[in-house]
Amino acid sequence: MAVLRSRLVRVFFKLLVTLLIVAALAASAALWWWPRQPLELAGVARLEFEVPAGASMRTAAQQAVKAGVQTRPELLYWFFRLAGRGQVIQQGTYEVAQGMNAHDLLDKLVRGNRIELPVTLLEGWTFQQVRQALARADGLKNDSAAFSDEALMRSLGKPGVAPEGRFFPDTYRYAKNSSDMNVLRRAMRLMDERLAAAWARRAPDLPLQTPEQALILASIIEKETGLDQDRALVAGVFNNRLRAGMPLQTDPTVIYGMGSHFDGNLRKRDLQTDTPYNTYTRRGLPPTPIAMPGKASLMAAVQPANTMALYFVARGDGSSHFSSNLAEHNAAVRRYQLGSSGAH
């Protein structure tokens, strides 16, 4: 009887071990299989969920399930924890699309592959237009709206610096629900880099004394022409005038100085009304840039064409006619402008 009992115990333990091994194999197979299956979504092709700053993997799993991922949050969490092996997930808004599996989702969270949207800042825009574009941008928090221009520049680390022209025109991608201050900070840093690079390549005989002066002149060039072939010539005219002590006499600075009073029509009395930006009544450069210059205008400002021209007039097709003396210039004005503005 004792022998039979002993045999039954051994059989029982063998069966128990076998069952445990089978269960372990089944669990392993399930752990291998499940994360590779497409996650089921709540009747949508894609969904979004937010991972707050400092969120744990448990919170991320809960947020994903709450947004519509059809699985148990505990199951998703334990997969994140085991497969993540201590990696840190990134803050942001994430997208889950049909066909993605748990591995794909974890990879996104660890890499910080968040939803990003673009905002484009255009050459020639004023800072007011930049503010308007940021306020309209989809999924971008308009935190800058709470700041005056002065306070904003102080917050960006440039106290006392005017914001006009200090941001580089480009397309910037941002994480959804992030702050527009991040975009401004990147645009300011890029302008600093582009301006420094241009200044390092400046011609040796420039009448410009500082990178800031180059930025101001580049902003005027940006507003004066959109044609690449004319930029260096426009820069050459303005550099020649600065050397000769002549007023720049450029309409865009006058218009900028008029602000909201400009109604789209520049009159003779406007050219005669003195403001800090009226380059007809004042010699030299205006006190600040008047717009955001692009790379081409920055380079034109510091590498102007070698020209004798002191004047230019718009032809009406986007290009300009350049003259080295007043008589030739007046003839060009009569030919191309018939008394309208656009002559310099």
C-alpha atoms as a PDB file:
ATOM      1  CA  MET A   1       0.000   0.000   0.000  1.00  0.00           C
ATOM      2  CA  ALA A   2       2.831   2.365   0.840  1.00  0.00           C
ATOM      3  CA  VAL A   3       4.514   1.549  -2.486  1.00  0.00           C
ATOM      4  CA  LEU A   4       1.292   2.327  -4.380  1.00  0.00           C
ATOM      5  CA  ARG A   5       0.912   5.596  -2.545  1.00  0.00           C
ATOM      6  CA  SER A   6       4.501   6.539  -3.337  1.00  0.00           C
ATOM      7  CA  ARG A   7       3.956   5.778  -7.040  1.00  0.00           C
ATOM      8  CA  LEU A   8       0.802   7.891  -7.090  1.00  0.00           C
ATOM      9  CA  VAL A   9       2.664  10.805  -5.491  1.00  0.00           C
ATOM     10  CA  ARG A  10       5.434  10.547  -8.111  1.00  0.00           C
ATOM     11  CA  VAL A  11       2.882  10.396 -10.931  1.00  0.00           C
ATOM     12  CA  PHE A  12       1.045  13.371  -9.476  1.00  0.00           C
ATOM     13  CA  PHE A  13       4.216  15.452  -9.246  1.00  0.00           C
ATOM     14  CA  LYS A  14       5.249  14.476 -12.769  1.00  0.00           C
ATOM     15  CA  LEU A  15       1.827  15.468 -14.029  1.00  0.00           C
ATOM     16  CA  LEU A  16       1.992  18.752 -12.061  1.00  0.00           C
ATOM     17  CA  VAL A  17       5.426  19.571 -13.461  1.00  0.00           C
ATOM     18  CA  THR A  18       4.217  18.732 -16.960  1.00  0.00           C
ATOM     19  CA  LEU A  19       1.200  20.964 -16.526  1.00  0.00           C
ATOM     20  CA  LEU A  20       3.376  23.761 -15.193  1.00  0.00           C
ATOM     21  CA  ILE A  21       5.746  23.409 -18.152  1.00  0.00           C
ATOM     22  CA  VAL A  22       2.835  23.408 -20.596  1.00  0.00           C
ATOM     23  CA  ALA A  23       1.350  26.440 -18.853  1.00  0.00           C
ATOM     24  CA  ALA A  24       4.687  28.232 -18.950  1.00  0.00           C
ATOM     25  CA  LEU A  25       5.112  27.413 -22.632  1.00  0.00           C
ATOM     26  CA  ALA A  26       1.578  28.572 -23.325  1.00  0.00           C
ATOM     27  CA  ALA A  27       2.176  31.793 -21.408  1.00  0.00           C
ATOM     28  CA  SER A  28       5.447  32.353 -23.244  1.00  0.00           C
ATOM     29  CA  ALA A  29       3.740  31.725 -26.550  1.00  0.00           C
ATOM     30  CA  ALA A  30       0.986  34.137 -25.607  1.00  0.00           C
ATOM     31  CA  LEU A  31       3.531  36.756 -24.531  1.00  0.00           C
ATOM     32  CA  TRP A  32       5.319  36.328 -27.855  1.00  0.00           C
ATOM     33  CA  TRP A  33       2.135  36.246 -29.922  1.00  0.00           C
ATOM     34  CA  TRP A  34      -0.045  38.959 -28.378  1.00  0.00           C
ATOM     35  CA  PRO A  35       2.304  41.960 -28.688  1.00  0.00           C
ATOM     36  CA  ARG A  36       2.708  41.171 -32.379  1.00  0.00           C
ATOM     37  CA  GLN A  37      -0.994  41.243 -33.141  1.00  0.00           C
ATOM     38  CA  PRO A  38      -2.581  44.480 -34.356  1.00  0.00           C
ATOM     39  CA  LEU A  39      -4.168  46.423 -31.544  1.00  0.00           C
ATOM     40  CA  GLU A  40      -7.920  46.672 -31.853  1.00  0.00           C
ATOM     41  CA  LEU A  41      -9.276  50.216 -31.956  1.00  0.00           C
ATOM     42  CA  ALA A  42     -12.747  51.420 -31.000  1.00  0.00           C
ATOM     43  CA  GLY A  43     -14.243  51.510 -34.494  1.00  0.00           C
ATOM     44  CA  VAL A  44     -11.817  54.128 -35.843  1.00  0.00           C
ATOM     45  CA  ALA A  45      -8.885  54.067 -38.246  1.00  0.00           C
ATOM     46  CA  ARG A  46      -6.662  56.024 -35.882  1.00  0.00           C
ATOM     47  CA  LEU A  47      -6.829  57.631 -32.473  1.00  0.00           C
ATOM     48  CA  GLU A  48      -4.764  59.976 -30.341  1.00  0.00           C
ATOM     49  CA  PHE A  49      -3.861  59.966 -26.677  1.00  0.00           C
ATOM     50  CA  GLU A  50      -1.869  62.257 -24.449  1.00  0.00           C
ATOM     51  CA  VAL A  51       1.089  61.270 -22.271  1.00  0.00           C
ATOM     52  CA  PRO A  52       1.610  63.962 -19.604  1.00  0.00           C
ATOM     53  CA  ALA A  53       5.051  65.068 -18.487  1.00  0.00           C
ATOM     54  CA  GLY A  54       6.587  62.584 -16.065  1.00  0.00           C
ATOM     55  CA  ALA A  55       3.901  59.962 -16.731  1.00  0.00           C
ATOM     56  CA  SER A  56       4.598  56.334 -15.837  1.00  0.00           C
ATOM     57  CA  MET A  57       4.131  53.404 -18.188  1.00  0.00           C
ATOM     58  CA  ARG A  58       0.992  52.522 -16.264  1.00  0.00           C
ATOM     59  CA  THR A  59      -0.438  55.990 -16.962  1.00  0.00           C
ATOM     60  CA  ALA A  60       0.500  55.708 -20.638  1.00  0.00           C
ATOM     61  CA  ALA A  61      -1.267  52.335 -20.891  1.00  0.00           C
ATOM     62  CA  GLN A  62      -4.338  53.711 -19.147  1.00  0.00           C
ATOM     63  CA  GLN A  63      -4.433  56.755 -21.438  1.00  0.00           C
ATOM     64  CA  ALA A  64      -4.172  54.582 -24.553  1.00  0.00           C
ATOM     65  CA  VAL A  65      -7.027  52.324 -23.429  1.00  0.00           C
ATOM     66  CA  LYS A  66      -9.126  55.313 -22.381  1.00  0.00           C
ATOM     67  CA  ALA A  67      -8.676  56.786 -25.868  1.00  0.00           C
ATOM     68  CA  GLY A  68      -9.998  53.613 -27.502  1.00  0.00           C
ATOM     69  CA  VAL A  69      -7.327  50.893 -27.664  1.00  0.00           C
ATOM     70  CA  GLN A  70      -9.339  47.713 -27.078  1.00  0.00           C
ATOM     71  CA  THR A  71      -7.361  45.793 -24.480  1.00  0.00           C
ATOM     72  CA  ARG A  72      -6.982  45.611 -20.720  1.00  0.00           C
ATOM     73  CA  PRO A  73      -4.789  48.442 -19.351  1.00  0.00           C
ATOM     74  CA  GLU A  74      -3.054  46.002 -16.981  1.00  0.00           C
ATOM     75  CA  LEU A  75      -2.033  43.768 -19.877  1.00  0.00           C
ATOM     76  CA  LEU A  76      -0.675  46.713 -21.855  1.00  0.00           C
ATOM     77  CA  TYR A  77       1.100  48.071 -18.791  1.00  0.00           C
ATOM     78  CA  TRP A  78       2.843  44.795 -17.963  1.00  0.00           C
ATOM     79  CA  PHE A  79       3.974  44.436 -21.553  1.00  0.00           C
ATOM     80  CA  PHE A  80       5.377  47.994 -21.463  1.00  0.00           C
ATOM     81  CA  ARG A  81       7.105  47.278 -18.190  1.00  0.00           C
ATOM     82  CA  LEU A  82       8.644  43.929 -19.203  1.00  0.00           C
ATOM     83  CA  ALA A  83       9.550  44.825 -22.777  1.00  0.00           C
ATOM     84  CA  GLY A  84      10.566  48.389 -21.946  1.00  0.00           C
ATOM     85  CA  ARG A  85      13.320  47.197 -19.589  1.00  0.00           C
ATOM     86  CA  GLY A  86      13.495  50.443 -17.648  1.00  0.00           C
ATOM     87  CA  GLN A  87      13.382  52.765 -20.665  1.00  0.00           C
ATOM     88  CA  VAL A  88      11.719  56.144 -20.189  1.00  0.00           C
ATOM     89  CA  ILE A  89       8.682  57.179 -22.201  1.00  0.00           C
ATOM     90  CA  GLN A  90       8.397  60.686 -23.599  1.00  0.00           C
ATOM     91  CA  GLN A  91       5.748  63.327 -23.029  1.00  0.00           C
ATOM     92  CA  GLY A  92       3.479  64.231 -25.949  1.00  0.00           C
ATOM     93  CA  THR A  93       0.453  63.398 -28.058  1.00  0.00           C
ATOM     94  CA  TYR A  94       0.694  60.029 -29.809  1.00  0.00           C
ATOM     95  CA  GLU A  95      -1.231  58.410 -32.627  1.00  0.00           C
ATOM     96  CA  VAL A  96      -2.294  54.779 -32.779  1.00  0.00           C
ATOM     97  CA  ALA A  97      -3.324  53.656 -36.272  1.00  0.00           C
ATOM     98  CA  GLN A  98      -4.898  50.458 -37.546  1.00  0.00           C
ATOM     99  CA  GLY A  99      -2.245  47.755 -37.930  1.00  0.00           C
ATOM    100  CA  MET A 100      -0.019  48.946 -35.081  1.00  0.00           C
ATOM    101  CA  ASN A 101       0.827  46.431 -32.379  1.00  0.00           C
ATOM    102  CA  ALA A 102       1.982  46.830 -28.790  1.00  0.00           C
ATOM    103  CA  HIS A 103       5.656  46.693 -29.835  1.00  0.00           C
ATOM    104  CA  ASP A 104       5.068  49.551 -32.287  1.00  0.00           C
ATOM    105  CA  LEU A 105       3.319  51.604 -29.635  1.00  0.00           C
ATOM    106  CA  LEU A 106       6.054  51.067 -27.040  1.00  0.00           C
ATOM    107  CA  ASP A 107       8.679  52.008 -29.630  1.00  0.00           C
ATOM    108  CA  LYS A 108       6.834  55.275 -30.314  1.00  0.00           C
ATOM    109  CA  LEU A 109       6.604  56.128 -26.638  1.00  0.00           C
ATOM    110  CA  VAL A 110      10.284  55.450 -25.964  1.00  0.00           C
ATOM    111  CA  ARG A 111      11.531  57.256 -29.074  1.00  0.00           C
ATOM    112  CA  GLY A 112       9.206  60.204 -28.511  1.00  0.00           C
ATOM    113  CA  ASN A 113       7.707  59.747 -31.978  1.00  0.00           C
ATOM    114  CA  ARG A 114       4.867  62.152 -31.212  1.00  0.00           C
ATOM    115  CA  ILE A 115       2.315  63.773 -33.472  1.00  0.00           C
ATOM    116  CA  GLU A 116       3.996  66.788 -35.060  1.00  0.00           C
ATOM    117  CA  LEU A 117       2.413  69.610 -37.013  1.00  0.00           C
ATOM    118  CA  PRO A 118       4.020  72.313 -39.196  1.00  0.00           C
ATOM    119  CA  VAL A 119       3.878  76.081 -38.962  1.00  0.00           C
ATOM    120  CA  THR A 120       5.514  78.211 -41.650  1.00  0.00           C
ATOM    121  CA  LEU A 121       6.973  81.666 -41.048  1.00  0.00           C
ATOM    122  CA  LEU A 122       7.503  83.490 -44.342  1.00  0.00           C
ATOM    123  CA  GLU A 123      10.299  85.771 -45.502  1.00  0.00           C
ATOM    124  CA  GLY A 124       9.283  89.401 -45.261  1.00  0.00           C
ATOM    125  CA  TRP A 125       6.776  88.877 -42.458  1.00  0.00           C
ATOM    126  CA  THR A 126       6.672  91.314 -39.564  1.00  0.00           C
ATOM    127  CA  PHE A 127       6.629  90.095 -36.005  1.00  0.00           C
ATOM    128  CA  GLN A 128       2.935  90.932 -35.802  1.00  0.00           C
ATOM    129  CA  GLN A 129       2.328  88.506 -38.672  1.00  0.00           C
ATOM    130  CA  VAL A 130       4.420  85.897 -36.865  1.00  0.00           C
ATOM    131  CA  ARG A 131       2.245  86.277 -33.783  1.00  0.00           C
ATOM    132  CA  GLN A 132      -0.894  85.892 -35.894  1.00  0.00           C
ATOM    133  CA  ALA A 133       0.429  82.749 -37.589  1.00  0.00           C
ATOM    134  CA  LEU A 134       1.310  81.140 -34.257  1.00  0.00           C
ATOM    135  CA  ALA A 135      -2.125  81.988 -32.852  1.00  0.00           C
ATOM    136  CA  ARG A 136      -3.787  80.271 -35.849  1.00  0.00           C
ATOM    137  CA  ALA A 137      -1.544  77.190 -35.828  1.00  0.00           C
ATOM    138  CA  ASP A 138      -3.414  73.958 -35.168  1.00  0.00           C
ATOM    139  CA  GLY A 139      -2.557  72.211 -31.904  1.00  0.00           C
ATOM    140  CA  LEU A 140      -0.097  74.897 -30.765  1.00  0.00           C
ATOM    141  CA  LYS A 141      -0.600  76.552 -27.390  1.00  0.00           C
ATOM    142  CA  ASN A 142      -0.523  80.320 -27.845  1.00  0.00           C
ATOM    143  CA  ASP A 143       1.414  81.022 -24.633  1.00  0.00           C
ATOM    144  CA  SER A 144       3.158  84.022 -26.226  1.00  0.00           C
ATOM    145  CA  ALA A 145      -0.162  85.905 -26.283  1.00  0.00           C
ATOM    146  CA  ALA A 146       0.262  86.611 -22.583  1.00  0.00           C
ATOM    147  CA  PHE A 147       3.480  88.579 -23.213  1.00  0.00           C
ATOM    148  CA  SER A 148       4.107  92.045 -24.564  1.00  0.00           C
ATOM    149  CA  ASP A 149       6.891  92.209 -27.142  1.00  0.00           C
ATOM    150  CA  GLU A 150       9.317  93.399 -24.465  1.00  0.00           C
ATOM    151  CA  ALA A 151       8.335  90.707 -21.969  1.00  0.00           C
ATOM    152  CA  LEU A 152       8.474  88.042 -24.653  1.00  0.00           C
ATOM    153  CA  MET A 153      12.043  88.908 -25.639  1.00  0.00           C
ATOM    154  CA  ARG A 154      13.015  88.999 -21.979  1.00  0.00           C
ATOM    155  CA  SER A 155      11.529  85.512 -21.554  1.00  0.00           C
ATOM    156  CA  LEU A 156      13.530  84.328 -24.579  1.00  0.00           C
ATOM    157  CA  GLY A 157      16.758  85.615 -23.056  1.00  0.00           C
ATOM    158  CA  LYS A 158      17.169  88.811 -25.091  1.00  0.00           C
ATOM    159  CA  PRO A 159      16.000  91.641 -22.827  1.00  0.00           C
ATOM    160  CA  GLY A 160      15.964  95.044 -24.494  1.00  0.00           C
ATOM    161  CA  VAL A 161      16.145  93.573 -28.018  1.00  0.00           C
ATOM    162  CA  ALA A 162      13.313  94.396 -30.430  1.00  0.00           C
ATOM    163  CA  PRO A 163      11.604  91.226 -31.721  1.00  0.00           C
ATOM    164  CA  GLU A 164      11.313  92.489 -35.287  1.00  0.00           C
ATOM    165  CA  GLY A 165      13.461  90.439 -37.661  1.00  0.00           C
ATOM    166  CA  ARG A 166      14.919  88.300 -34.873  1.00  0.00           C
ATOM    167  CA  PHE A 167      13.253  85.044 -35.994  1.00  0.00           C
ATOM    168  CA  PHE A 168      14.313  83.054 -39.028  1.00  0.00           C
ATOM    169  CA  PRO A 169      11.627  82.378 -41.647  1.00  0.00           C
ATOM    170  CA  ASP A 170      11.240  78.637 -42.122  1.00  0.00           C
ATOM    171  CA  THR A 171       8.830  75.751 -41.566  1.00  0.00           C
ATOM    172  CA  TYR A 172       8.960  74.479 -37.995  1.00  0.00           C
ATOM    173  CA  ARG A 173       7.454  71.201 -36.813  1.00  0.00           C
ATOM    174  CA  TYR A 174       6.156  71.034 -33.273  1.00  0.00           C
ATOM    175  CA  ALA A 175       4.661  68.409 -31.010  1.00  0.00           C
ATOM    176  CA  LYS A 176       0.900  68.720 -30.784  1.00  0.00           C
ATOM    177  CA  ASN A 177      -0.223  70.699 -27.732  1.00  0.00           C
ATOM    178  CA  SER A 178       3.245  72.159 -27.192  1.00  0.00           C
ATOM    179  CA  SER A 179       3.934  75.868 -26.570  1.00  0.00           C
ATOM    180  CA  ASP A 180       4.509  78.412 -29.321  1.00  0.00           C
ATOM    181  CA  MET A 181       7.341  79.754 -27.163  1.00  0.00           C
ATOM    182  CA  ASN A 182       9.315  76.661 -28.186  1.00  0.00           C
ATOM    183  CA  VAL A 183       8.824  77.548 -31.856  1.00  0.00           C
ATOM    184  CA  LEU A 184       9.910  81.136 -31.236  1.00  0.00           C
ATOM    185  CA  ARG A 185      12.950  79.984 -29.306  1.00  0.00           C
ATOM    186  CA  ARG A 186      14.019  77.715 -32.177  1.00  0.00           C
ATOM    187  CA  ALA A 187      13.368  80.399 -34.793  1.00  0.00           C
ATOM    188  CA  MET A 188      15.384  82.943 -32.801  1.00  0.00           C
ATOM    189  CA  ARG A 189      18.272  80.519 -32.367  1.00  0.00           C
ATOM    190  CA  LEU A 190      18.276  79.742 -36.085  1.00  0.00           C
ATOM    191  CA  MET A 191      18.325  83.443 -37.000  1.00  0.00           C
ATOM    192  CA  ASP A 192      21.266  83.964 -34.644  1.00  0.00           C
ATOM    193  CA  GLU A 193      23.112  81.108 -36.362  1.00  0.00           C
ATOM    194  CA  ARG A 194      22.320  82.280 -39.910  1.00  0.00           C
ATOM    195  CA  LEU A 195      23.228  85.874 -39.110  1.00  0.00           C
ATOM    196  CA  ALA A 196      26.535  84.846 -37.519  1.00  0.00           C
ATOM    197  CA  ALA A 197      27.357  82.651 -40.523  1.00  0.00           C
ATOM    198  CA  ALA A 198      26.591  85.483 -42.953  1.00  0.00           C
ATOM    199  CA  TRP A 199      28.566  88.036 -40.947  1.00  0.00           C
ATOM    200  CA  ALA A 200      31.572  85.713 -40.901  1.00  0.00           C
ATOM    201  CA  ARG A 201      31.534  85.774 -44.733  1.00  0.00           C
ATOM    202  CA  ARG A 202      31.084  89.553 -45.095  1.00  0.00           C
ATOM    203  CA  ALA A 203      32.940  91.537 -47.717  1.00  0.00           C
ATOM    204  CA  PRO A 204      35.960  93.428 -46.316  1.00  0.00           C
ATOM    205  CA  ASP A 205      34.845  96.950 -47.285  1.00  0.00           C
ATOM    206  CA  LEU A 206      31.305  97.051 -45.932  1.00  0.00           C
ATOM    207  CA  PRO A 207      30.005 100.280 -44.379  1.00  0.00           C
ATOM    208  CA  LEU A 208      28.196  98.064 -41.867  1.00  0.00           C
ATOM    209  CA  GLN A 209      29.788  97.874 -38.438  1.00  0.00           C
ATOM    210  CA  THR A 210      27.853  95.113 -36.671  1.00  0.00           C
ATOM    211  CA  PRO A 211      25.804  91.975 -37.388  1.00  0.00           C
ATOM    212  CA  GLU A 212      22.765  93.909 -36.138  1.00  0.00           C
ATOM    213  CA  GLN A 213      23.235  96.476 -38.898  1.00  0.00           C
ATOM    214  CA  ALA A 214      23.516  93.646 -41.425  1.00  0.00           C
ATOM    215  CA  LEU A 215      20.232  92.233 -40.137  1.00  0.00           C
ATOM    216  CA  ILE A 216      18.512  95.607 -40.511  1.00  0.00           C
ATOM    217  CA  LEU A 217      19.785  96.038 -44.065  1.00  0.00           C
ATOM    218  CA  ALA A 218      18.833  92.456 -44.952  1.00  0.00           C
ATOM    219  CA  SER A 219      15.277  93.115 -43.779  1.00  0.00           C
ATOM    220  CA  ILE A 220      15.054  96.117 -46.114  1.00  0.00           C
ATOM    221  CA  ILE A 221      16.428  94.082 -49.026  1.00  0.00           C
ATOM    222  CA  GLU A 222      13.845  91.384 -48.268  1.00  0.00           C
ATOM    223  CA  LYS A 223      11.025  93.903 -48.574  1.00  0.00           C
ATOM    224  CA  GLU A 224      12.468  95.610 -51.655  1.00  0.00           C
ATOM    225  CA  THR A 225      12.716  92.604 -53.948  1.00  0.00           C
ATOM    226  CA  GLY A 226      11.769  88.957 -54.180  1.00  0.00           C
ATOM    227  CA  LEU A 227      14.073  88.267 -57.125  1.00  0.00           C
ATOM    228  CA  ASP A 228      17.312  86.509 -56.271  1.00  0.00           C
ATOM    229  CA  GLN A 229      19.149  88.158 -59.179  1.00  0.00           C
ATOM    230  CA  ASP A 230      18.293  91.632 -57.860  1.00  0.00           C
ATOM    231  CA  ARG A 231      19.112  91.164 -54.180  1.00  0.00           C
ATOM    232  CA  ALA A 232      22.858  91.757 -54.432  1.00  0.00           C
ATOM    233  CA  LEU A 233      22.315  94.791 -56.668  1.00  0.00           C
ATOM    234  CA  VAL A 234      19.771  96.297 -54.259  1.00  0.00           C
ATOM    235  CA  ALA A 235      22.283  95.662 -51.473  1.00  0.00           C
ATOM    236  CA  GLY A 236      24.971  97.315 -53.596  1.00  0.00           C
ATOM    237  CA  VAL A 237      22.844 100.462 -54.008  1.00  0.00           C
ATOM    238  CA  PHE A 238      22.183 100.727 -50.274  1.00  0.00           C
ATOM    239  CA  ASN A 239      25.813 100.077 -49.369  1.00  0.00           C
ATOM    240  CA  ASN A 240      26.881 102.772 -51.847  1.00  0.00           C
ATOM    241  CA  ARG A 241      24.428 105.222 -50.324  1.00  0.00           C
ATOM    242  CA  LEU A 242      25.629 104.451 -46.799  1.00  0.00           C
ATOM    243  CA  ARG A 243      29.222 105.068 -47.856  1.00  0.00           C
ATOM    244  CA  ALA A 244      28.274 108.352 -49.541  1.00  0.00           C
ATOM    245  CA  GLY A 245      26.175 109.532 -46.596  1.00  0.00           C
ATOM    246  CA  MET A 246      23.042 109.599 -48.760  1.00  0.00           C
ATOM    247  CA  PRO A 247      19.635 108.785 -47.289  1.00  0.00           C
ATOM    248  CA  LEU A 248      18.490 105.288 -48.190  1.00  0.00           C
ATOM    249  CA  GLN A 249      15.080 106.586 -49.339  1.00  0.00           C
ATOM    250  CA  THR A 250      13.367 103.207 -49.241  1.00  0.00           C
ATOM    251  CA  ASP A 251       9.566 103.034 -49.104  1.00  0.00           C
ATOM    252  CA  PRO A 252       9.249  99.837 -46.987  1.00  0.00           C
ATOM    253  CA  THR A 253      10.853 101.549 -43.988  1.00  0.00           C
ATOM    254  CA  VAL A 254       8.447 104.475 -44.282  1.00  0.00           C
ATOM    255  CA  ILE A 255       5.494 102.091 -44.485  1.00  0.00           C
ATOM    256  CA  TYR A 256       6.750 100.166 -41.462  1.00  0.00           C
ATOM    257  CA  GLY A 257       7.088 103.396 -39.474  1.00  0.00           C
ATOM    258  CA  MET A 258       3.498 104.350 -40.328  1.00  0.00           C
ATOM    259  CA  GLY A 259       2.186 101.181 -38.709  1.00  0.00           C
ATOM    260  CA  SER A 260      -1.598 100.911 -38.754  1.00  0.00           C
ATOM    261  CA  HIS A 261      -1.892 104.348 -40.400  1.00  0.00           C
ATOM    262  CA  PHE A 262      -0.749 102.911 -43.717  1.00  0.00           C
ATOM    263  CA  ASP A 263      -3.826 102.298 -45.886  1.00  0.00           C
ATOM    264  CA  GLY A 264      -2.065 100.698 -48.837  1.00  0.00           C
ATOM    265  CA  ASN A 265      -1.348 103.968 -50.621  1.00  0.00           C
ATOM    266  CA  LEU A 266       1.966 105.736 -49.948  1.00  0.00           C
ATOM    267  CA  ARG A 267       1.599 109.480 -50.498  1.00  0.00           C
ATOM    268  CA  LYS A 268       4.121 112.298 -50.871  1.00  0.00           C
ATOM    269  CA  ARG A 269       3.185 113.660 -47.447  1.00  0.00           C
ATOM    270  CA  ASP A 270       4.026 110.265 -45.927  1.00  0.00           C
ATOM    271  CA  LEU A 271       7.549 110.496 -47.346  1.00  0.00           C
ATOM    272  CA  GLN A 272       7.885 113.928 -45.747  1.00  0.00           C
ATOM    273  CA  THR A 273       6.506 112.974 -42.324  1.00  0.00           C
ATOM    274  CA  ASP A 274       9.409 112.225 -40.023  1.00  0.00           C
ATOM    275  CA  THR A 275       9.501 108.976 -38.016  1.00  0.00           C
ATOM    276  CA  PRO A 276      12.483 106.926 -36.781  1.00  0.00           C
ATOM    277  CA  TYR A 277      11.894 104.679 -39.818  1.00  0.00           C
ATOM    278  CA  ASN A 278      11.572 107.393 -42.478  1.00  0.00           C
ATOM    279  CA  THR A 279      14.721 106.930 -44.543  1.00  0.00           C
ATOM    280  CA  TYR A 280      13.776 109.951 -46.654  1.00  0.00           C
ATOM    281  CA  THR A 281      13.994 112.343 -43.702  1.00  0.00           C
ATOM    282  CA  ARG A 282      16.786 110.530 -41.824  1.00  0.00           C
ATOM    283  CA  ARG A 283      20.134 109.229 -42.983  1.00  0.00           C
ATOM    284  CA  GLY A 284      21.527 105.830 -42.178  1.00  0.00           C
ATOM    285  CA  LEU A 285      19.730 102.660 -41.173  1.00  0.00           C
ATOM    286  CA  PRO A 286      16.459 102.591 -39.231  1.00  0.00           C
ATOM    287  CA  PRO A 287      16.665 101.606 -35.549  1.00  0.00           C
ATOM    288  CA  THR A 288      15.500  97.998 -36.010  1.00  0.00           C
ATOM    289  CA  PRO A 289      14.798  95.499 -38.777  1.00  0.00           C
ATOM    290  CA  ILE A 290      11.435  95.946 -40.476  1.00  0.00           C
ATOM    291  CA  ALA A 291      10.729  92.282 -41.283  1.00  0.00           C
ATOM    292  CA  MET A 292      12.234  88.777 -41.238  1.00  0.00           C
ATOM    293  CA  PRO A 293      14.931  88.382 -43.890  1.00  0.00           C
ATOM    294  CA  GLY A 294      15.682  85.002 -45.407  1.00  0.00           C
ATOM    295  CA  LYS A 295      19.124  83.517 -46.023  1.00  0.00           C
ATOM    296  CA  ALA A 296      19.444  85.072 -49.507  1.00  0.00           C
ATOM    297  CA  SER A 297      18.820  88.584 -48.191  1.00  0.00           C
ATOM    298  CA  LEU A 298      21.233  88.068 -45.287  1.00  0.00           C
ATOM    299  CA  MET A 299      23.967  87.067 -47.717  1.00  0.00           C
ATOM    300  CA  ALA A 300      23.152  89.926 -50.097  1.00  0.00           C
ATOM    301  CA  ALA A 301      23.484  92.433 -47.255  1.00  0.00           C
ATOM    302  CA  VAL A 302      27.027  91.305 -46.433  1.00  0.00           C
ATOM    303  CA  GLN A 303      28.106  90.415 -49.987  1.00  0.00           C
ATOM    304  CA  PRO A 304      26.617  93.202 -52.113  1.00  0.00           C
ATOM    305  CA  ALA A 305      27.201  93.428 -55.847  1.00  0.00           C
ATOM    306  CA  ASN A 306      30.163  95.498 -56.962  1.00  0.00           C
ATOM    307  CA  THR A 307      28.183  98.224 -58.691  1.00  0.00           C
ATOM    308  CA  MET A 308      28.263 101.976 -59.242  1.00  0.00           C
ATOM    309  CA  ALA A 309      24.466 102.142 -59.030  1.00  0.00           C
ATOM    310  CA  LEU A 310      22.936 104.615 -56.583  1.00  0.00           C
ATOM    311  CA  TYR A 311      19.326 104.294 -57.690  1.00  0.00           C
ATOM    312  CA  PHE A 312      16.816 101.675 -58.743  1.00  0.00           C
ATOM    313  CA  VAL A 313      13.227 101.666 -59.884  1.00  0.00           C
ATOM    314  CA  ALA A 314      10.693  98.845 -60.152  1.00  0.00           C
ATOM    315  CA  ARG A 315       9.937  97.821 -63.722  1.00  0.00           C
ATOM    316  CA  GLY A 316       6.516  96.480 -62.825  1.00  0.00           C
ATOM    317  CA  ASP A 317       7.350  92.836 -63.459  1.00  0.00           C
ATOM    318  CA  GLY A 318       9.069  92.225 -60.134  1.00  0.00           C
ATOM    319  CA  SER A 319      12.514  93.243 -61.359  1.00  0.00           C
ATOM    320  CA  SER A 320      14.273  96.604 -61.013  1.00  0.00           C
ATOM    321  CA  HIS A 321      16.223  98.954 -63.271  1.00  0.00           C
ATOM    322  CA  PHE A 322      19.477 100.195 -61.706  1.00  0.00           C
ATOM    323  CA  SER A 323      21.105 103.554 -62.462  1.00  0.00           C
ATOM    324  CA  SER A 324      24.397 105.137 -61.501  1.00  0.00           C
ATOM    325  CA  ASN A 325      23.285 108.770 -61.921  1.00  0.00           C
ATOM    326  CA  LEU A 326      20.172 110.815 -61.287  1.00  0.00           C
ATOM    327  CA  ALA A 327      19.484 111.696 -64.927  1.00  0.00           C
ATOM    328  CA  GLU A 328      19.389 108.038 -65.937  1.00  0.00           C
ATOM    329  CA  HIS A 329      17.282 107.244 -62.914  1.00  0.00           C
ATOM    330  CA  ASN A 330      14.737 109.974 -63.666  1.00  0.00           C
ATOM    331  CA  ALA A 331      14.407 108.668 -67.227  1.00  0.00           C
ATOM    332  CA  ALA A 332      13.808 105.152 -65.854  1.00  0.00           C
ATOM    333  CA  VAL A 333      11.198 106.494 -63.449  1.00  0.00           C
ATOM    334  CA  ARG A 334       9.340 108.173 -66.325  1.00  0.00           C
ATOM    335  CA  ARG A 335       9.528 104.972 -68.338  1.00  0.00           C
ATOM    336  CA  TYR A 336       8.514 102.449 -65.695  1.00  0.00           C
ATOM    337  CA  GLN A 337       6.611 104.313 -63.010  1.00  0.00           C
ATOM    338  CA  LEU A 338       4.823 107.257 -64.654  1.00  0.00           C
ATOM    339  CA  GLY A 339       4.854 109.190 -61.435  1.00  0.00           C
ATOM    340  CA  SER A 340       3.963 106.343 -59.037  1.00  0.00           C
ATOM    341  CA  SER A 341       6.065 105.281 -56.046  1.00  0.00           C
ATOM    342  CA  GLY A 342       8.649 102.543 -56.393  1.00  0.00           C
ATOM    343  CA  ALA A 343      11.653 104.678 -57.313  1.00  0.00           C
ATOM    344  CA  HIS A 344      14.701 104.820 -55.043  1.00  0.00           C
END
